[in-house]
C-alpha atoms as a PDB file:
ATOM      1  CA  MET A   1       0.282   0.207   0.365  1.00  0.00           C
ATOM      2  CA  LYS A   2       1.308   3.240  -0.977  1.00  0.00           C
ATOM      3  CA  PHE A   3       1.045   6.381   0.523  1.00  0.00           C
ATOM      4  CA  LEU A   4       0.166  10.140  -0.582  1.00  0.00           C
ATOM      5  CA  ASP A   5       0.485   8.564  -3.776  1.00  0.00           C
ATOM      6  CA  ASP A   6      -1.490  10.006  -6.577  1.00  0.00           C
ATOM      7  CA  GLY A   7      -2.765  13.194  -5.267  1.00  0.00           C
ATOM      8  CA  LYS A   8      -5.747  11.546  -3.083  1.00  0.00           C
ATOM      9  CA  LEU A   9      -5.095  11.857   0.864  1.00  0.00           C
ATOM     10  CA  ASP A  10      -3.690  10.066   3.825  1.00  0.00           C
ATOM     11  CA  ILE A  11      -5.626  10.494   6.788  1.00  0.00           C
ATOM     12  CA  MET A  12      -5.536   9.651  11.057  1.00  0.00           C
ATOM     13  CA  PHE A  13      -7.920  10.398  13.911  1.00  0.00           C
ATOM     14  CA  TYR A  14      -7.788   9.764  17.403  1.00  0.00           C
ATOM     15  CA  ASP A  15      -9.358   8.804  20.656  1.00  0.00           C
ATOM     16  CA  ALA A  16      -8.763  12.652  22.466  1.00  0.00           C
ATOM     17  CA  SER A  17     -10.873  11.831  25.020  1.00  0.00           C
ATOM     18  CA  ASP A  18     -10.368  11.688  28.713  1.00  0.00           C
ATOM     19  CA  TRP A  19     -11.784   7.802  29.064  1.00  0.00           C
ATOM     20  CA  ALA A  20      -8.927   7.384  26.481  1.00  0.00           C
ATOM     21  CA  GLY A  21      -6.459   7.743  29.972  1.00  0.00           C
ATOM     22  CA  LYS A  22      -4.010  11.015  29.365  1.00  0.00           C
ATOM     23  CA  GLN A  23      -0.566   8.499  28.762  1.00  0.00           C
ATOM     24  CA  LEU A  24      -2.173   6.508  24.714  1.00  0.00           C
ATOM     25  CA  ARG A  25      -3.890  10.091  24.611  1.00  0.00           C
ATOM     26  CA  PHE A  26      -0.352  12.049  24.521  1.00  0.00           C
ATOM     27  CA  SER A  27       1.069   9.054  22.569  1.00  0.00           C
ATOM     28  CA  TRP A  28      -1.546   9.134  20.043  1.00  0.00           C
ATOM     29  CA  THR A  29      -1.145  11.899  19.271  1.00  0.00           C
ATOM     30  CA  ALA A  30       2.277  12.315  19.208  1.00  0.00           C
ATOM     31  CA  GLY A  31       2.151   9.835  16.882  1.00  0.00           C
ATOM     32  CA  GLY A  32      -0.035  12.109  14.628  1.00  0.00           C
ATOM     33  CA  ALA A  33       2.764  14.394  14.849  1.00  0.00           C
ATOM     34  CA  PHE A  34       5.685  12.013  14.011  1.00  0.00           C
ATOM     35  CA  TYR A  35       3.532   9.999  11.172  1.00  0.00           C
ATOM     36  CA  ARG A  36       2.871  14.182   9.972  1.00  0.00           C
ATOM     37  CA  ALA A  37       6.027  14.699  10.214  1.00  0.00           C
ATOM     38  CA  PHE A  38       7.297  12.361   7.636  1.00  0.00           C
ATOM     39  CA  ARG A  39       4.808  12.199   5.582  1.00  0.00           C
ATOM     40  CA  SER A  40       2.629   9.010   6.225  1.00  0.00           C
ATOM     41  CA  VAL A  41      -0.684  11.300   6.824  1.00  0.00           C
ATOM     42  CA  GLU A  42      -1.170  15.009   5.745  1.00  0.00           C
ATOM     43  CA  ALA A  43      -3.986  15.377   8.244  1.00  0.00           C
ATOM     44  CA  THR A  44      -4.753  14.333  11.674  1.00  0.00           C
ATOM     45  CA  LYS A  45      -6.814  15.086  14.393  1.00  0.00           C
ATOM     46  CA  GLY A  46      -7.891  13.897  17.838  1.00  0.00           C
ATOM     47  CA  PHE A  47     -12.584  13.530  18.776  1.00  0.00           C
ATOM     48  CA  LEU A  48     -14.291  12.914  21.950  1.00  0.00           C
ATOM     49  CA  SER A  49     -17.676  10.300  19.541  1.00  0.00           C
ATOM     50  CA  MET A  50     -16.538   8.428  16.744  1.00  0.00           C
ATOM     51  CA  GLU A  51     -19.767  10.080  14.877  1.00  0.00           C
ATOM     52  CA  GLU A  52     -17.761  13.632  15.362  1.00  0.00           C
ATOM     53  CA  ALA A  53     -14.640  11.648  13.923  1.00  0.00           C
ATOM     54  CA  LEU A  54     -16.566  10.374  11.145  1.00  0.00           C
ATOM     55  CA  HIS A  55     -17.882  13.459  10.491  1.00  0.00           C
ATOM     56  CA  TRP A  56     -14.318  15.475   9.855  1.00  0.00           C
ATOM     57  CA  VAL A  57     -12.792  12.295   8.256  1.00  0.00           C
ATOM     58  CA  THR A  58     -15.966  12.338   5.548  1.00  0.00           C
ATOM     59  CA  ARG A  59     -15.614  15.953   5.004  1.00  0.00           C
ATOM     60  CA  VAL A  60     -11.678  17.233   5.122  1.00  0.00           C
ATOM     61  CA  GLU A  61     -10.450  17.998   1.610  1.00  0.00           C
ATOM     62  CA  PRO A  62     -13.727  17.134   0.258  1.00  0.00           C
ATOM     63  CA  GLU A  63     -12.180  17.469  -3.124  1.00  0.00           C
ATOM     64  CA  ARG A  64      -9.996  14.453  -2.779  1.00  0.00           C
ATOM     65  CA  LYS A  65     -10.407  11.024  -2.776  1.00  0.00           C
ATOM     66  CA  ILE A  66      -8.810   9.399   0.017  1.00  0.00           C
ATOM     67  CA  ASN A  67      -6.055   6.774   0.020  1.00  0.00           C
ATOM     68  CA  SER A  68      -5.425   5.770   3.330  1.00  0.00           C
ATOM     69  CA  ILE A  69      -7.060   5.757   7.167  1.00  0.00           C
ATOM     70  CA  GLN A  70      -5.867   5.090  10.096  1.00  0.00           C
ATOM     71  CA  PHE A  71      -7.705   4.518  13.290  1.00  0.00           C
ATOM     72  CA  TRP A  72      -5.823   5.364  16.478  1.00  0.00           C
ATOM     73  CA  GLY A  73      -7.261   4.115  19.498  1.00  0.00           C
ATOM     74  CA  HIS A  74      -9.413   1.305  22.155  1.00  0.00           C
ATOM     75  CA  GLY A  75     -10.305  -1.672  19.964  1.00  0.00           C
ATOM     76  CA  SER A  76     -11.844  -4.981  21.231  1.00  0.00           C
ATOM     77  CA  PRO A  77     -13.111  -7.947  19.281  1.00  0.00           C
ATOM     78  CA  GLY A  78     -14.721  -6.470  16.426  1.00  0.00           C
ATOM     79  CA  ARG A  79     -14.742  -2.984  17.824  1.00  0.00           C
ATOM     80  CA  VAL A  80     -13.128  -0.079  17.920  1.00  0.00           C
ATOM     81  CA  TRP A  81     -13.892   3.075  20.425  1.00  0.00           C
ATOM     82  CA  ILE A  82     -14.125   6.510  20.779  1.00  0.00           C
ATOM     83  CA  ASN A  83     -15.519   7.293  24.157  1.00  0.00           C
ATOM     84  CA  ASN A  84     -18.686   5.677  24.331  1.00  0.00           C
ATOM     85  CA  ASP A  85     -18.359   5.502  21.428  1.00  0.00           C
ATOM     86  CA  PHE A  86     -17.779   2.745  19.399  1.00  0.00           C
ATOM     87  CA  LEU A  87     -18.272   0.828  15.489  1.00  0.00           C
ATOM     88  CA  SER A  88     -18.772  -2.526  14.337  1.00  0.00           C
ATOM     89  CA  ALA A  89     -20.284  -4.933  12.591  1.00  0.00           C
ATOM     90  CA  ARG A  90     -23.976  -3.276  13.783  1.00  0.00           C
ATOM     91  CA  SER A  91     -23.348  -0.002  12.680  1.00  0.00           C
ATOM     92  CA  MET A  92     -23.615  -1.544   8.880  1.00  0.00           C
ATOM     93  CA  VAL A  93     -26.864  -1.381   9.301  1.00  0.00           C
ATOM     94  CA  ASP A  94     -29.954   0.727   8.586  1.00  0.00           C
ATOM     95  CA  VAL A  95     -31.154   1.945  11.563  1.00  0.00           C
ATOM     96  CA  SER A  96     -27.323   2.790  12.961  1.00  0.00           C
ATOM     97  CA  LYS A  97     -26.272   6.685  13.276  1.00  0.00           C
ATOM     98  CA  HIS A  98     -23.387   5.913  11.811  1.00  0.00           C
ATOM     99  CA  LYS A  99     -24.500   4.218   8.527  1.00  0.00           C
ATOM    100  CA  PRO A 100     -25.460   7.794   6.691  1.00  0.00           C
ATOM    101  CA  TYR A 101     -21.831   8.532   7.211  1.00  0.00           C
ATOM    102  CA  LEU A 102     -19.604   5.125   6.651  1.00  0.00           C
ATOM    103  CA  LEU A 103     -21.622   5.819   3.043  1.00  0.00           C
ATOM    104  CA  ASP A 104     -20.187   9.332   2.804  1.00  0.00           C
ATOM    105  CA  LEU A 105     -17.038   8.165   3.536  1.00  0.00           C
ATOM    106  CA  LYS A 106     -16.690   4.774   0.863  1.00  0.00           C
ATOM    107  CA  GLN A 107     -17.696   8.049  -1.257  1.00  0.00           C
ATOM    108  CA  ARG A 108     -14.557   9.002  -1.285  1.00  0.00           C
ATOM    109  CA  LEU A 109     -12.224   5.724  -1.101  1.00  0.00           C
ATOM    110  CA  THR A 110     -11.298   4.133  -4.676  1.00  0.00           C
ATOM    111  CA  GLU A 111     -10.685  -0.317  -4.571  1.00  0.00           C
ATOM    112  CA  ASP A 112      -7.455   0.618  -3.932  1.00  0.00           C
ATOM    113  CA  SER A 113      -7.627   2.967  -0.610  1.00  0.00           C
ATOM    114  CA  LEU A 114      -6.925   1.146   3.235  1.00  0.00           C
ATOM    115  CA  ILE A 115      -8.321   1.894   6.843  1.00  0.00           C
ATOM    116  CA  TRP A 116      -5.893   0.787   8.796  1.00  0.00           C
ATOM    117  CA  PHE A 117      -7.691   0.357  12.234  1.00  0.00           C
ATOM    118  CA  ARG A 118      -4.102   0.387  14.978  1.00  0.00           C
ATOM    119  CA  SER A 119      -6.409  -0.756  18.040  1.00  0.00           C
ATOM    120  CA  CYS A 120      -6.305  -4.156  20.320  1.00  0.00           C
ATOM    121  CA  ASN A 121      -7.923  -7.381  19.379  1.00  0.00           C
ATOM    122  CA  VAL A 122     -10.121  -5.593  17.341  1.00  0.00           C
ATOM    123  CA  PHE A 123      -9.868  -8.429  14.775  1.00  0.00           C
ATOM    124  CA  ALA A 124      -9.833 -10.978  16.991  1.00  0.00           C
ATOM    125  CA  GLY A 125     -12.199 -13.442  18.129  1.00  0.00           C
ATOM    126  CA  ASN A 126     -15.671 -14.770  15.610  1.00  0.00           C
ATOM    127  CA  GLU A 127     -16.606 -11.128  16.321  1.00  0.00           C
ATOM    128  CA  GLY A 128     -13.475  -9.701  14.637  1.00  0.00           C
ATOM    129  CA  ARG A 129     -13.875 -11.347  11.539  1.00  0.00           C
ATOM    130  CA  LEU A 130     -17.541 -11.039  11.159  1.00  0.00           C
ATOM    131  CA  PHE A 131     -16.513  -6.762  11.880  1.00  0.00           C
ATOM    132  CA  ALA A 132     -13.827  -7.579   8.992  1.00  0.00           C
ATOM    133  CA  VAL A 133     -15.716  -9.010   6.700  1.00  0.00           C
ATOM    134  CA  ALA A 134     -18.835  -6.893   6.816  1.00  0.00           C
ATOM    135  CA  PHE A 135     -17.176  -3.277   6.713  1.00  0.00           C
ATOM    136  CA  SER A 136     -14.558  -4.678   3.182  1.00  0.00           C
ATOM    137  CA  GLN A 137     -17.984  -5.084   1.757  1.00  0.00           C
ATOM    138  CA  LEU A 138     -19.735  -2.614   2.987  1.00  0.00           C
ATOM    139  CA  MET A 139     -16.523   0.231   1.755  1.00  0.00           C
ATOM    140  CA  ASN A 140     -15.752  -1.573  -0.770  1.00  0.00           C
ATOM    141  CA  CYS A 141     -11.662  -1.502  -0.013  1.00  0.00           C
ATOM    142  CA  THR A 142      -8.993  -3.152   1.623  1.00  0.00           C
ATOM    143  CA  ILE A 143      -9.785  -3.551   5.873  1.00  0.00           C
ATOM    144  CA  ALA A 144      -6.634  -3.789   7.875  1.00  0.00           C
ATOM    145  CA  GLY A 145      -6.156  -5.048  12.031  1.00  0.00           C
ATOM    146  CA  HIS A 146      -5.148  -5.958  14.564  1.00  0.00           C
ATOM    147  CA  THR A 147      -6.181  -9.765  16.855  1.00  0.00           C
ATOM    148  CA  TYR A 148      -3.716  -8.743  19.595  1.00  0.00           C
ATOM    149  CA  ILE A 149      -3.276  -6.047  22.400  1.00  0.00           C
ATOM    150  CA  ILE A 150      -0.830  -3.483  20.621  1.00  0.00           C
ATOM    151  CA  GLY A 151       1.813  -1.165  22.013  1.00  0.00           C
ATOM    152  CA  PRO A 152       4.789  -0.457  20.759  1.00  0.00           C
ATOM    153  CA  TRP A 153       4.455  -3.770  19.822  1.00  0.00           C
ATOM    154  CA  GLN A 154       1.030  -4.515  17.651  1.00  0.00           C
ATOM    155  CA  SER A 155       0.682  -8.542  16.296  1.00  0.00           C
ATOM    156  CA  GLY A 156      -1.605  -9.849  14.682  1.00  0.00           C
ATOM    157  CA  LEU A 157      -1.566  -7.241  11.493  1.00  0.00           C
ATOM    158  CA  HIS A 158      -4.345  -9.223   8.733  1.00  0.00           C
ATOM    159  CA  THR A 159      -6.041  -7.156   5.953  1.00  0.00           C
ATOM    160  CA  ILE A 160      -9.149  -7.830   3.984  1.00  0.00           C
ATOM    161  CA  ARG A 161     -10.883  -6.946   0.460  1.00  0.00           C
ATOM    162  CA  PRO A 162     -14.110  -7.342  -0.305  1.00  0.00           C
ATOM    163  CA  GLY A 163     -15.533 -10.792  -1.330  1.00  0.00           C
ATOM    164  CA  GLU A 164     -12.500 -12.156   0.873  1.00  0.00           C
ATOM    165  CA  ARG A 165     -12.465 -14.878   4.266  1.00  0.00           C
ATOM    166  CA  PRO A 166     -10.425 -13.573   7.360  1.00  0.00           C
ATOM    167  CA  SER A 167      -6.527 -15.630   6.676  1.00  0.00           C
ATOM    168  CA  TRP A 168      -6.757 -15.622  10.267  1.00  0.00           C
ATOM    169  CA  SER A 169      -7.968 -18.103  12.854  1.00  0.00           C
ATOM    170  CA  PRO A 170     -10.506 -16.599  15.681  1.00  0.00           C
ATOM    171  CA  ASP A 171      -7.873 -17.702  18.121  1.00  0.00           C
ATOM    172  CA  GLU A 172      -5.234 -15.360  17.136  1.00  0.00           C
ATOM    173  CA  GLY A 173      -4.631 -12.995  19.891  1.00  0.00           C
ATOM    174  CA  LEU A 174      -6.576 -14.628  22.372  1.00  0.00           C
ATOM    175  CA  GLU A 175      -6.232 -17.329  25.252  1.00  0.00           C
ATOM    176  CA  ARG A 176      -9.069 -19.365  26.109  1.00  0.00           C
ATOM    177  CA  LYS A 177      -8.774 -21.105  29.118  1.00  0.00           C
ATOM    178  CA  PRO A 178     -10.427 -24.425  30.386  1.00  0.00           C
ATOM    179  CA  ASP A 179     -13.092 -22.442  32.746  1.00  0.00           C
ATOM    180  CA  GLY A 180     -14.637 -20.756  29.756  1.00  0.00           C
ATOM    181  CA  THR A 181     -12.758 -17.017  29.896  1.00  0.00           C
ATOM    182  CA  VAL A 182     -11.062 -16.176  27.198  1.00  0.00           C
ATOM    183  CA  LYS A 183      -7.457 -14.060  27.806  1.00  0.00           C
ATOM    184  CA  LYS A 184      -6.311 -11.498  25.408  1.00  0.00           C
ATOM    185  CA  ILE A 185      -2.805 -11.597  24.626  1.00  0.00           C
ATOM    186  CA  TRP A 186      -0.092  -8.551  24.463  1.00  0.00           C
ATOM    187  CA  SER A 187       1.520  -8.665  21.028  1.00  0.00           C
ATOM    188  CA  LYS A 188       5.242  -9.638  21.020  1.00  0.00           C
ATOM    189  CA  PRO A 189       8.163  -9.153  18.913  1.00  0.00           C
ATOM    190  CA  TRP A 190       7.871 -12.322  17.472  1.00  0.00           C
ATOM    191  CA  SER A 191       4.190 -13.118  17.245  1.00  0.00           C
ATOM    192  CA  PRO A 192       2.494 -13.275  14.444  1.00  0.00           C
ATOM    193  CA  ASN A 193       2.495 -10.038  11.329  1.00  0.00           C
ATOM    194  CA  THR A 194       4.259  -8.259  14.066  1.00  0.00           C
ATOM    195  CA  ILE A 195       5.270  -4.506  13.516  1.00  0.00           C
ATOM    196  CA  PHE A 196       6.488  -1.766  15.166  1.00  0.00           C
ATOM    197  CA  CYS A 197       4.445   1.421  16.521  1.00  0.00           C
ATOM    198  CA  LEU A 198       6.573   4.252  13.969  1.00  0.00           C
ATOM    199  CA  THR A 199       6.245   1.047  11.548  1.00  0.00           C
ATOM    200  CA  GLY A 200       3.449   3.581   8.386  1.00  0.00           C
ATOM    201  CA  LYS A 201       3.841   0.393   5.902  1.00  0.00           C
ATOM    202  CA  ILE A 202       1.593  -2.806   5.827  1.00  0.00           C
ATOM    203  CA  PRO A 203       3.972  -5.680   4.384  1.00  0.00           C
ATOM    204  CA  GLU A 204       2.621  -7.466   1.157  1.00  0.00           C
ATOM    205  CA  GLY A 205       0.933 -10.510   1.888  1.00  0.00           C
ATOM    206  CA  TRP A 206      -0.598  -9.728   5.200  1.00  0.00           C
END
């Protein structure tokens, strides 16, 4: 995936709410400044709700198509969060408050666009796989996400395109215990499909 390509727009948005926690909010803000300085993205902004964020994403530099979008914020299997407002597979049904924004955003994307959720566990479990499939179908472009808890190391990075089935196991990034509980696993350098947090490009084939 190329960034800053063919006059298309590369953007990043993040959770700027108190719910994110001061340390993470600082990391996401600083990360956005770093990426902008090194021209991996052109515009970054923090938000207090997902609805507010989607409103901005659909309208920033409206005359340009969008090449890539990165979201930095909290995640859980099948969900990405800003404050207490989240995207999930249910966001794609007609009654969802997010659906009109997603349809507007789709008009700014091409088949070569990338939406990358740099959040914990978004693609983990059956919920994560369902979200990946549904979101790639709706947006008609490549969607990327992680199955592990991410920090400086970010493991379980996968992409999916419209019409594809998930290539990763629903158990990746999770430890299922004998009592039926599920523990989310932290990223490590040797875990599958791991990048460092300052890596701005997804390796081919992931």
